[in-house]
Amino acid sequence: MNDRDFDAALHVIFKDKAAHDEYQRASRHLKFIEENQANWKKVRVFDSGVEP
């Protein structure tokens, strides 16, 4: 069964885990969260791995 309890989805592909970790700490990413989180009822994150 597919989970369809969402209105929007964003897929982001990182070069490696280090790039992902850097993104999580990036000032622009943190600022985006700070400025927009009041508009979000719920946020869910699903991680997956893809082999090249």
C-alpha atoms as a PDB file:
ATOM      1  CA  MET A   1       0.000   0.000   0.000  1.00  0.00           C
ATOM      2  CA  ASN A   2       1.333   3.438  -0.907  1.00  0.00           C
ATOM      3  CA  ASP A   3       1.282   6.266   1.619  1.00  0.00           C
ATOM      4  CA  ARG A   4      -0.731   9.124   0.097  1.00  0.00           C
ATOM      5  CA  ASP A   5      -1.125  11.300   3.187  1.00  0.00           C
ATOM      6  CA  PHE A   6       0.710  14.311   1.749  1.00  0.00           C
ATOM      7  CA  ASP A   7       0.126  17.407  -0.370  1.00  0.00           C
ATOM      8  CA  ALA A   8       3.635  17.960  -1.711  1.00  0.00           C
ATOM      9  CA  ALA A   9       6.831  15.972  -2.047  1.00  0.00           C
ATOM     10  CA  LEU A  10      10.417  17.063  -2.576  1.00  0.00           C
ATOM     11  CA  HIS A  11      13.094  14.657  -3.763  1.00  0.00           C
ATOM     12  CA  VAL A  12      16.678  15.724  -3.139  1.00  0.00           C
ATOM     13  CA  ILE A  13      19.673  13.689  -4.286  1.00  0.00           C
ATOM     14  CA  PHE A  14      23.032  14.161  -2.588  1.00  0.00           C
ATOM     15  CA  LYS A  15      26.449  13.076  -3.827  1.00  0.00           C
ATOM     16  CA  ASP A  16      27.088  11.192  -0.577  1.00  0.00           C
ATOM     17  CA  LYS A  17      26.178  11.148   3.128  1.00  0.00           C
ATOM     18  CA  ALA A  18      28.694  13.896   3.870  1.00  0.00           C
ATOM     19  CA  ALA A  19      26.921  16.202   1.409  1.00  0.00           C
ATOM     20  CA  HIS A  20      23.587  15.354   3.064  1.00  0.00           C
ATOM     21  CA  ASP A  21      24.997  16.113   6.508  1.00  0.00           C
ATOM     22  CA  GLU A  22      26.422  19.425   5.271  1.00  0.00           C
ATOM     23  CA  TYR A  23      23.022  20.371   3.829  1.00  0.00           C
ATOM     24  CA  GLN A  24      21.324  19.694   7.163  1.00  0.00           C
ATOM     25  CA  ARG A  25      23.588  22.281   8.848  1.00  0.00           C
ATOM     26  CA  ALA A  26      23.566  24.860   6.022  1.00  0.00           C
ATOM     27  CA  SER A  27      22.465  28.318   7.119  1.00  0.00           C
ATOM     28  CA  ARG A  28      20.052  28.706   4.156  1.00  0.00           C
ATOM     29  CA  HIS A  29      18.399  25.377   4.990  1.00  0.00           C
ATOM     30  CA  LEU A  30      18.025  26.292   8.658  1.00  0.00           C
ATOM     31  CA  LYS A  31      16.714  29.759   7.745  1.00  0.00           C
ATOM     32  CA  PHE A  32      14.131  28.203   5.393  1.00  0.00           C
ATOM     33  CA  ILE A  33      12.883  25.976   8.228  1.00  0.00           C
ATOM     34  CA  GLU A  34      12.771  28.869  10.695  1.00  0.00           C
ATOM     35  CA  GLU A  35      10.854  31.129   8.310  1.00  0.00           C
ATOM     36  CA  ASN A  36       8.346  28.524   7.126  1.00  0.00           C
ATOM     37  CA  GLN A  37       7.716  26.021   9.905  1.00  0.00           C
ATOM     38  CA  ALA A  38       4.715  27.930  11.229  1.00  0.00           C
ATOM     39  CA  ASN A  39       2.953  27.074   7.957  1.00  0.00           C
ATOM     40  CA  TRP A  40       3.513  23.332   8.268  1.00  0.00           C
ATOM     41  CA  LYS A  41       0.994  21.148  10.036  1.00  0.00           C
ATOM     42  CA  LYS A  42       3.250  18.115   9.750  1.00  0.00           C
ATOM     43  CA  VAL A  43       6.596  17.265   8.164  1.00  0.00           C
ATOM     44  CA  ARG A  44       7.742  13.738   7.439  1.00  0.00           C
ATOM     45  CA  VAL A  45      11.075  12.719   5.997  1.00  0.00           C
ATOM     46  CA  PHE A  46      11.773   9.434   4.252  1.00  0.00           C
ATOM     47  CA  ASP A  47      15.387   8.565   3.505  1.00  0.00           C
ATOM     48  CA  SER A  48      16.402   6.058   0.888  1.00  0.00           C
ATOM     49  CA  GLY A  49      19.595   4.931  -0.718  1.00  0.00           C
ATOM     50  CA  VAL A  50      20.205   4.599  -4.438  1.00  0.00           C
ATOM     51  CA  GLU A  51      23.093   2.707  -5.948  1.00  0.00           C
ATOM     52  CA  PRO A  52      24.702   4.343  -8.997  1.00  0.00           C
END
